[in-house]
Amino acid sequence: MLNILFVDDDPVFLKRMQAETALSNPGWTTSIASDGIEALTKLGEETFDVLISDMKMSGMDGVELLRNTKVRHPDVVRIILTGYEETAMVMKSLGTAHQYLAKPSDVKTIQSTIRKTCALRDMLKRDSLREMVSTLNTVPSLPTLYSELMDEVNSADPSIKHIGQIVEKDIGMTVKILQIVNSAFFGLQRHVSNATDAVMYLGIDTITSLTLSLGIFAQFDKKIIDIRMVEEFRAHSESVGAMAKLLASTEKPETAGDAFTAGLVHDIGELVLAYNMPEEYSRSRAFAKEQEISLLDAELELFGATHAEIGAYLLSLWGIPWTVVEAVAYHHKPSEYLTPSFSALTAVHMADVFHNSRDPRAQTPRLQNCDVPYLAKLGLLEKVPEWHEEFVHFFVDEEEPVAA
């Protein structure tokens, strides 16, 4: 059950949204407000799950409303409705809105966005965890990649191709760019899951503005997190992404782009925990070792959710394509989200299993942590030796150590 607050100074729009939402979603409750002040009053009196506000309103505009909501009610999902002529205001709101919808938007589009955004909300049972994820503006980047991007953007003749290559190497930059380019504001008729394509679409002027004026990217603070750990983490993620893309290219080429991105960001929840809850994150790893249990079980015990669920919830909040979100959410246990055939989820699961195996050069594939029932249901179990051989060749070519 969801409680939704619609805010707009158009009474006709509000009545239509309330009536049609109630008719098609009997489990949802809705309230309306005609301006930002009224909305904040209602938010203070009642618990809401989702706030959907118009951008342009008299008095307090949508950006200011969302900014206040983020501070006072951090776990509320914040969605803004905006027209294509409001580019400056959209850019201004990047740190406050989770998602953007074009105005006018039909009711079905708005409701679909609400469903997808809130689909994984219940996975995070602790309010404090939802609040932490909901207030994130960005996932920081490695200082080396951040500096490389700044140097390129500030150069006399910046290369959009080179910028795309830098962004595609970094988890934080990738998800932020995908959040922006997949927003309804840009009006794309297809989802974009490849960071290089996203950068090319946005263009050099927009990228420069986002990077220099609005500061949408940030770098990890060395005082909070061990940069060597982040570098190892990124190397593992990049290899899983590349291997997932290789498997997908062989089995189902149209899923290769989603598979690469999902592989790159599959453990983004770990980065979120390690940087924003460093003491608790360290405790979870120590607890897993002491109790001789998996890290997933330790996370469930201490956080009430796994890093996969935390990462997927962040991606769903930011409107990242659902094929990527589902692959991140279920990459450890894909049988919990059974897809009808090979998908990006399959590719990421197997790439991660192979990459985390202790002996990737073994002639016989190790199926430790492999979801065998899932592969059997899809009729793909006999493919594992072939995929493992691909991984062995990939690993030798890459000459990278396998992450522990």
Protein backbone atom coordinates (compact mmCIF):
# COMPACT_ATOMS: atom_id res chain seq x y z
CA MET A 1 0.00 0.00 0.00
CA LEU A 2 1.35 3.39 -1.00
CA ASN A 3 0.41 6.88 0.16
CA ILE A 4 1.03 9.47 -2.56
CA LEU A 5 0.94 13.26 -2.47
CA PHE A 6 0.33 15.15 -5.74
CA VAL A 7 1.26 18.85 -5.79
CA ASP A 8 0.22 21.22 -8.58
CA ASP A 9 -1.42 24.62 -8.89
CA ASP A 10 -3.75 23.21 -11.57
CA PRO A 11 -6.89 21.93 -9.77
CA VAL A 12 -8.14 20.08 -12.86
CA PHE A 13 -4.91 18.08 -13.09
CA LEU A 14 -5.00 17.26 -9.39
CA LYS A 15 -8.58 16.00 -9.46
CA ARG A 16 -7.90 13.88 -12.55
CA MET A 17 -4.77 12.35 -11.03
CA GLN A 18 -6.53 11.56 -7.77
CA ALA A 19 -9.59 10.04 -9.43
CA GLU A 20 -7.77 7.92 -12.01
CA THR A 21 -5.13 6.73 -9.54
CA ALA A 22 -7.77 5.63 -7.05
CA LEU A 23 -9.72 3.85 -9.80
CA SER A 24 -6.79 1.82 -11.18
CA ASN A 25 -4.87 1.29 -7.93
CA PRO A 26 -7.31 0.48 -5.11
CA GLY A 27 -4.42 -0.25 -2.74
CA TRP A 28 -3.04 3.28 -3.05
CA THR A 29 -4.20 6.34 -1.13
CA THR A 30 -3.74 9.82 -2.57
CA SER A 31 -3.78 13.37 -1.28
CA ILE A 32 -3.44 16.67 -3.14
CA ALA A 33 -1.92 20.07 -2.43
CA SER A 34 -2.14 23.23 -4.52
CA ASP A 35 1.23 24.70 -3.54
CA GLY A 36 4.48 23.96 -1.77
CA ILE A 37 3.47 25.38 1.60
CA GLU A 38 0.34 23.23 1.74
CA ALA A 39 2.37 20.21 0.66
CA LEU A 40 4.93 20.67 3.45
CA THR A 41 2.12 21.03 5.97
CA LYS A 42 0.57 17.74 4.83
CA LEU A 43 3.96 16.02 4.84
CA GLY A 44 4.35 17.08 8.45
CA GLU A 45 0.93 15.76 9.43
CA GLU A 46 0.88 12.45 7.57
CA THR A 47 3.34 9.81 6.37
CA PHE A 48 3.73 9.70 2.59
CA ASP A 49 5.72 7.29 0.44
CA VAL A 50 5.84 9.35 -2.77
CA LEU A 51 5.73 13.07 -3.57
CA ILE A 52 4.98 14.13 -7.15
CA SER A 53 5.23 17.85 -7.75
CA ASP A 54 5.00 20.25 -10.65
CA MET A 55 8.18 22.21 -11.29
CA LYS A 56 6.64 25.63 -11.88
CA MET A 57 4.30 26.87 -9.17
CA SER A 58 3.63 30.29 -7.70
CA GLY A 59 5.35 30.98 -4.41
CA MET A 60 7.44 27.93 -3.53
CA ASP A 61 8.44 26.15 -6.75
CA GLY A 62 8.93 22.41 -7.12
CA VAL A 63 12.69 22.55 -6.61
CA GLU A 64 12.37 24.32 -3.27
CA LEU A 65 9.60 21.95 -2.19
CA LEU A 66 11.68 18.88 -3.00
CA ARG A 67 14.73 20.37 -1.31
CA ASN A 68 12.72 20.93 1.88
CA THR A 69 11.21 17.46 1.63
CA LYS A 70 14.62 15.87 1.28
CA VAL A 71 15.75 17.48 4.54
CA ARG A 72 12.57 17.02 6.58
CA HIS A 73 11.29 13.72 5.19
CA PRO A 74 14.31 12.00 3.62
CA ASP A 75 12.70 8.62 2.91
CA VAL A 76 9.97 10.06 0.67
CA VAL A 77 10.40 9.28 -3.04
CA ARG A 78 10.64 12.62 -4.87
CA ILE A 79 9.40 12.90 -8.47
CA ILE A 80 9.09 16.16 -10.37
CA LEU A 81 6.96 17.07 -13.40
CA THR A 82 8.64 19.44 -15.81
CA GLY A 83 8.25 20.95 -19.26
CA TYR A 84 10.95 20.84 -21.93
CA GLU A 85 11.40 24.61 -21.75
CA GLU A 86 12.57 24.39 -18.13
CA THR A 87 16.12 23.18 -18.77
CA ALA A 88 17.76 25.52 -16.27
CA MET A 89 15.34 24.53 -13.51
CA VAL A 90 15.81 20.83 -14.25
CA MET A 91 19.56 21.19 -13.94
CA LYS A 92 19.04 23.11 -10.71
CA SER A 93 16.96 20.27 -9.28
CA LEU A 94 19.44 17.45 -9.95
CA GLY A 95 20.33 17.05 -6.31
CA THR A 96 16.75 17.05 -5.06
CA ALA A 97 14.61 14.93 -7.40
CA HIS A 98 14.93 11.18 -7.77
CA GLN A 99 13.17 11.16 -11.13
CA TYR A 100 11.77 13.54 -13.73
CA LEU A 101 8.59 13.18 -15.75
CA ALA A 102 7.67 15.28 -18.76
CA LYS A 103 4.63 17.50 -18.47
CA PRO A 104 2.06 16.76 -19.65
CA SER A 105 2.37 13.08 -18.64
CA ASP A 106 -0.45 10.60 -18.94
CA VAL A 107 -1.68 8.90 -15.79
CA LYS A 108 -0.41 5.46 -16.87
CA THR A 109 3.15 6.77 -17.25
CA ILE A 110 3.07 8.38 -13.83
CA GLN A 111 1.64 5.26 -12.20
CA SER A 112 4.17 3.01 -13.95
CA THR A 113 7.00 5.21 -12.68
CA ILE A 114 5.64 5.01 -9.14
CA ARG A 115 5.40 1.20 -9.31
CA LYS A 116 8.93 0.72 -10.63
CA THR A 117 10.44 3.23 -8.24
CA CYS A 118 8.78 1.67 -5.20
CA ALA A 119 9.01 -1.98 -6.30
CA LEU A 120 12.10 -2.66 -4.20
CA ARG A 121 11.27 -0.30 -1.35
CA ASP A 122 10.05 -3.09 0.93
CA MET A 123 13.39 -4.88 0.60
CA LEU A 124 14.88 -2.19 2.84
CA LYS A 125 12.92 -2.77 6.01
CA ARG A 126 14.77 -0.27 8.16
CA ASP A 127 13.72 3.36 7.86
CA SER A 128 17.25 4.58 8.53
CA LEU A 129 18.58 2.57 5.60
CA ARG A 130 15.89 3.87 3.22
CA GLU A 131 16.59 7.41 4.37
CA MET A 132 20.32 7.02 3.77
CA VAL A 133 19.80 5.72 0.23
CA SER A 134 17.09 8.27 -0.55
CA THR A 135 19.27 11.25 0.35
CA LEU A 136 22.23 10.26 -1.84
CA ASN A 137 22.99 12.76 -4.59
CA THR A 138 25.78 10.76 -6.16
CA VAL A 139 28.04 7.78 -5.68
CA PRO A 140 31.62 9.10 -5.49
CA SER A 141 34.31 8.24 -8.00
CA LEU A 142 37.92 7.16 -7.77
CA PRO A 143 40.11 10.27 -7.42
CA THR A 144 42.21 9.22 -10.42
CA LEU A 145 39.20 8.92 -12.73
CA TYR A 146 37.63 12.07 -11.30
CA SER A 147 40.84 14.01 -12.02
CA GLU A 148 41.04 12.50 -15.50
CA LEU A 149 37.48 13.64 -16.23
CA MET A 150 38.13 17.16 -14.87
CA ASP A 151 41.28 17.47 -16.98
CA GLU A 152 39.41 16.42 -20.12
CA VAL A 153 36.42 18.70 -19.52
CA ASN A 154 38.70 21.65 -18.76
CA SER A 155 40.95 21.06 -21.78
CA ALA A 156 40.97 23.45 -24.73
CA ASP A 157 39.35 20.87 -27.00
CA PRO A 158 37.53 18.24 -24.88
CA SER A 159 36.73 14.95 -26.59
CA ILE A 160 33.23 13.61 -26.02
CA LYS A 161 34.50 10.14 -26.93
CA HIS A 162 37.23 10.27 -24.31
CA ILE A 163 34.77 11.57 -21.71
CA GLY A 164 32.50 8.62 -22.47
CA GLN A 165 35.40 6.20 -22.02
CA ILE A 166 36.24 7.73 -18.64
CA VAL A 167 32.65 7.67 -17.42
CA GLU A 168 32.20 4.05 -18.53
CA LYS A 169 35.08 3.00 -16.26
CA ASP A 170 33.50 4.47 -13.15
CA ILE A 171 30.50 3.13 -11.25
CA GLY A 172 29.38 6.42 -9.75
CA MET A 173 29.70 8.43 -12.96
CA THR A 174 27.89 5.74 -14.93
CA VAL A 175 24.78 5.60 -12.75
CA LYS A 176 24.52 9.39 -12.46
CA ILE A 177 24.75 9.92 -16.22
CA LEU A 178 22.19 7.15 -16.81
CA GLN A 179 19.83 8.71 -14.27
CA ILE A 180 19.94 12.00 -16.16
CA VAL A 181 19.74 10.70 -19.73
CA ASN A 182 16.89 8.27 -18.96
CA SER A 183 14.74 10.95 -17.36
CA ALA A 184 11.61 11.85 -19.31
CA PHE A 185 12.96 15.38 -19.64
CA PHE A 186 15.10 14.30 -22.59
CA GLY A 187 12.19 12.53 -24.26
CA LEU A 188 14.08 9.47 -25.48
CA GLN A 189 11.91 6.73 -26.94
CA ARG A 190 14.21 3.98 -25.67
CA HIS A 191 16.15 3.34 -22.51
CA VAL A 192 19.88 3.96 -22.51
CA SER A 193 21.99 1.57 -20.46
CA ASN A 194 25.41 2.34 -21.95
CA ALA A 195 27.32 5.23 -20.39
CA THR A 196 29.21 6.06 -23.58
CA ASP A 197 25.95 6.34 -25.53
CA ALA A 198 24.51 8.51 -22.76
CA VAL A 199 27.46 10.89 -22.87
CA MET A 200 27.28 11.12 -26.66
CA TYR A 201 23.58 11.93 -26.47
CA LEU A 202 23.98 14.64 -23.82
CA GLY A 203 26.77 16.32 -25.76
CA ILE A 204 29.83 18.25 -24.69
CA ASP A 205 28.00 21.42 -23.59
CA THR A 206 25.63 19.59 -21.25
CA ILE A 207 28.38 17.37 -19.87
CA THR A 208 30.57 20.41 -19.21
CA SER A 209 27.72 22.20 -17.44
CA LEU A 210 26.85 19.14 -15.36
CA THR A 211 30.46 18.59 -14.37
CA LEU A 212 31.77 22.09 -13.77
CA SER A 213 28.76 24.25 -12.90
CA LEU A 214 26.50 21.76 -11.15
CA GLY A 215 29.12 19.39 -9.78
CA ILE A 216 27.11 16.19 -10.24
CA PHE A 217 30.23 14.08 -9.76
CA ALA A 218 32.31 13.76 -6.61
CA GLN A 219 35.40 11.83 -5.56
CA PHE A 220 35.86 9.52 -2.60
CA ASP A 221 37.25 11.11 0.55
CA LYS A 222 40.43 9.24 1.46
CA LYS A 223 39.75 9.92 5.14
CA ILE A 224 36.56 7.86 4.99
CA ILE A 225 37.46 4.96 2.73
CA ASP A 226 40.61 3.10 1.69
CA ILE A 227 41.14 4.07 -1.95
CA ARG A 228 43.02 0.83 -2.59
CA MET A 229 39.89 -1.08 -1.64
CA VAL A 230 37.86 1.05 -4.04
CA GLU A 231 40.38 0.42 -6.83
CA GLU A 232 40.20 -3.34 -6.26
CA PHE A 233 36.43 -3.12 -6.13
CA ARG A 234 36.30 -1.22 -9.43
CA ALA A 235 38.66 -3.69 -11.10
CA HIS A 236 36.42 -6.57 -10.04
CA SER A 237 33.29 -4.76 -11.20
CA GLU A 238 34.79 -3.80 -14.56
CA SER A 239 35.87 -7.40 -15.18
CA VAL A 240 32.45 -8.76 -14.25
CA GLY A 241 30.87 -6.22 -16.59
CA ALA A 242 33.18 -7.19 -19.45
CA MET A 243 32.62 -10.91 -18.88
CA ALA A 244 28.85 -10.45 -18.61
CA LYS A 245 28.92 -8.56 -21.91
CA LEU A 246 30.93 -11.37 -23.52
CA LEU A 247 28.45 -14.03 -22.36
CA ALA A 248 25.48 -11.93 -23.44
CA SER A 249 27.02 -11.23 -26.85
CA THR A 250 27.25 -14.98 -27.40
CA GLU A 251 23.84 -15.98 -26.06
CA LYS A 252 21.59 -12.98 -26.66
CA PRO A 253 23.38 -10.01 -28.29
CA GLU A 254 20.58 -7.52 -27.66
CA THR A 255 21.21 -7.85 -23.91
CA ALA A 256 24.95 -7.15 -24.09
CA GLY A 257 24.73 -3.44 -23.24
CA ASP A 258 22.51 -4.02 -20.23
CA ALA A 259 24.73 -6.90 -19.13
CA PHE A 260 27.88 -4.77 -19.18
CA THR A 261 26.34 -1.92 -17.21
CA ALA A 262 24.67 -4.26 -14.73
CA GLY A 263 27.97 -6.07 -14.25
CA LEU A 264 29.81 -2.79 -13.70
CA VAL A 265 27.35 -1.65 -11.01
CA HIS A 266 26.30 -5.05 -9.59
CA ASP A 267 27.94 -4.39 -6.22
CA ILE A 268 27.19 -0.66 -6.00
CA GLY A 269 25.37 -1.36 -2.74
CA GLU A 270 28.69 -2.34 -1.17
CA LEU A 271 30.20 1.01 -2.14
CA VAL A 272 27.17 2.80 -0.70
CA LEU A 273 27.52 0.95 2.60
CA ALA A 274 31.31 1.22 2.78
CA TYR A 275 31.28 4.99 2.24
CA ASN A 276 28.14 6.05 4.06
CA MET A 277 28.14 3.52 6.91
CA PRO A 278 31.84 2.59 7.17
CA GLU A 279 31.78 1.26 10.74
CA GLU A 280 28.70 -0.88 10.16
CA TYR A 281 30.11 -2.12 6.85
CA SER A 282 33.38 -3.20 8.49
CA ARG A 283 31.39 -4.86 11.26
CA SER A 284 29.37 -6.88 8.73
CA ARG A 285 32.52 -8.26 7.12
CA ALA A 286 34.04 -9.11 10.49
CA PHE A 287 30.77 -10.69 11.62
CA ALA A 288 30.65 -12.90 8.52
CA LYS A 289 34.18 -14.12 9.21
CA GLU A 290 33.59 -14.70 12.92
CA GLN A 291 30.34 -16.58 12.41
CA GLU A 292 31.60 -18.38 9.29
CA ILE A 293 28.59 -17.23 7.29
CA SER A 294 28.25 -15.52 3.93
CA LEU A 295 28.52 -11.75 3.64
CA LEU A 296 24.91 -11.72 2.44
CA ASP A 297 23.72 -13.43 5.63
CA ALA A 298 25.80 -11.05 7.73
CA GLU A 299 24.28 -8.06 5.94
CA LEU A 300 20.77 -9.38 6.48
CA GLU A 301 21.52 -9.80 10.17
CA LEU A 302 23.02 -6.33 10.65
CA PHE A 303 21.23 -4.20 8.03
CA GLY A 304 18.05 -6.12 7.33
CA ALA A 305 18.97 -6.06 3.62
CA THR A 306 21.82 -7.19 1.38
CA HIS A 307 24.15 -4.95 -0.59
CA ALA A 308 22.44 -6.22 -3.76
CA GLU A 309 19.04 -5.02 -2.51
CA ILE A 310 20.44 -1.70 -1.31
CA GLY A 311 22.14 -1.04 -4.65
CA ALA A 312 19.09 -2.05 -6.65
CA TYR A 313 16.84 0.23 -4.60
CA LEU A 314 19.13 3.18 -5.31
CA LEU A 315 19.11 2.38 -9.04
CA SER A 316 15.31 2.04 -9.09
CA LEU A 317 14.98 5.38 -7.30
CA TRP A 318 17.14 6.99 -9.96
CA GLY A 319 15.16 5.52 -12.84
CA ILE A 320 17.93 3.30 -14.18
CA PRO A 321 16.55 0.83 -16.79
CA TRP A 322 14.73 -2.04 -15.08
CA THR A 323 16.78 -4.74 -16.81
CA VAL A 324 19.84 -3.35 -15.03
CA VAL A 325 18.00 -2.96 -11.71
CA GLU A 326 16.75 -6.57 -11.68
CA ALA A 327 20.20 -7.90 -12.55
CA VAL A 328 21.71 -6.00 -9.62
CA ALA A 329 18.94 -6.97 -7.19
CA TYR A 330 19.05 -10.69 -7.89
CA HIS A 331 22.56 -11.38 -9.17
CA HIS A 332 23.31 -13.63 -6.18
CA LYS A 333 20.00 -15.54 -6.32
CA PRO A 334 18.42 -15.15 -9.78
CA SER A 335 15.90 -17.93 -9.06
CA GLU A 336 14.08 -15.41 -6.84
CA TYR A 337 13.28 -13.45 -10.03
CA LEU A 338 12.91 -16.09 -12.70
CA THR A 339 13.24 -14.62 -16.17
CA PRO A 340 11.85 -16.73 -19.04
CA SER A 341 15.16 -16.93 -20.88
CA PHE A 342 18.78 -15.79 -20.86
CA SER A 343 19.00 -12.16 -19.78
CA ALA A 344 21.40 -9.59 -18.36
CA LEU A 345 20.65 -11.15 -14.97
CA THR A 346 21.91 -14.52 -16.18
CA ALA A 347 25.07 -12.99 -17.60
CA VAL A 348 25.90 -11.01 -14.47
CA HIS A 349 25.19 -13.95 -12.16
CA MET A 350 27.53 -16.27 -14.05
CA ALA A 351 30.24 -13.65 -14.57
CA ASP A 352 30.24 -12.91 -10.85
CA VAL A 353 30.28 -16.62 -9.93
CA PHE A 354 33.21 -17.32 -12.24
CA HIS A 355 35.12 -14.22 -11.18
CA ASN A 356 34.72 -15.05 -7.49
CA SER A 357 35.78 -18.68 -7.92
CA ARG A 358 39.04 -19.49 -6.18
CA ASP A 359 40.56 -21.23 -9.18
CA PRO A 360 39.32 -19.72 -12.45
CA ARG A 361 41.87 -21.73 -14.44
CA ALA A 362 40.43 -25.07 -13.29
CA GLN A 363 39.38 -27.28 -16.17
CA THR A 364 36.13 -28.19 -14.41
CA PRO A 365 33.88 -25.22 -13.62
CA ARG A 366 33.29 -24.56 -9.93
CA LEU A 367 29.59 -24.09 -9.19
CA GLN A 368 30.03 -22.75 -5.68
CA ASN A 369 27.40 -20.00 -5.16
CA CYS A 370 25.96 -20.77 -8.59
CA ASP A 371 22.15 -20.87 -8.69
CA VAL A 372 21.89 -24.31 -10.28
CA PRO A 373 18.05 -24.57 -10.03
CA TYR A 374 17.77 -21.26 -11.90
CA LEU A 375 19.98 -22.44 -14.76
CA ALA A 376 18.17 -25.79 -14.86
CA LYS A 377 14.77 -24.12 -15.17
CA LEU A 378 16.03 -22.06 -18.09
CA GLY A 379 17.59 -25.13 -19.70
CA LEU A 380 21.04 -23.54 -19.55
CA LEU A 381 22.88 -25.83 -17.16
CA GLU A 382 24.67 -27.66 -19.97
CA LYS A 383 26.03 -24.29 -21.14
CA VAL A 384 28.09 -23.76 -18.00
CA PRO A 385 31.24 -25.64 -19.19
CA GLU A 386 31.21 -23.63 -22.42
CA TRP A 387 30.78 -20.36 -20.53
CA HIS A 388 33.54 -21.34 -18.13
CA GLU A 389 35.90 -21.94 -21.03
CA GLU A 390 35.09 -18.44 -22.30
CA PHE A 391 35.85 -17.10 -18.85
CA VAL A 392 39.20 -18.91 -18.68
CA HIS A 393 40.25 -17.36 -22.01
CA PHE A 394 38.93 -13.99 -20.86
CA PHE A 395 40.81 -14.21 -17.56
CA VAL A 396 44.08 -15.15 -19.24
CA ASP A 397 43.70 -12.32 -21.75
CA GLU A 398 42.92 -9.81 -19.02
CA GLU A 399 45.71 -11.08 -16.75
CA GLU A 400 43.91 -9.66 -13.74
CA PRO A 401 43.83 -11.18 -10.27
CA VAL A 402 40.44 -12.45 -9.22
CA ALA A 403 38.80 -10.52 -6.39
CA ALA A 404 38.43 -12.39 -3.14
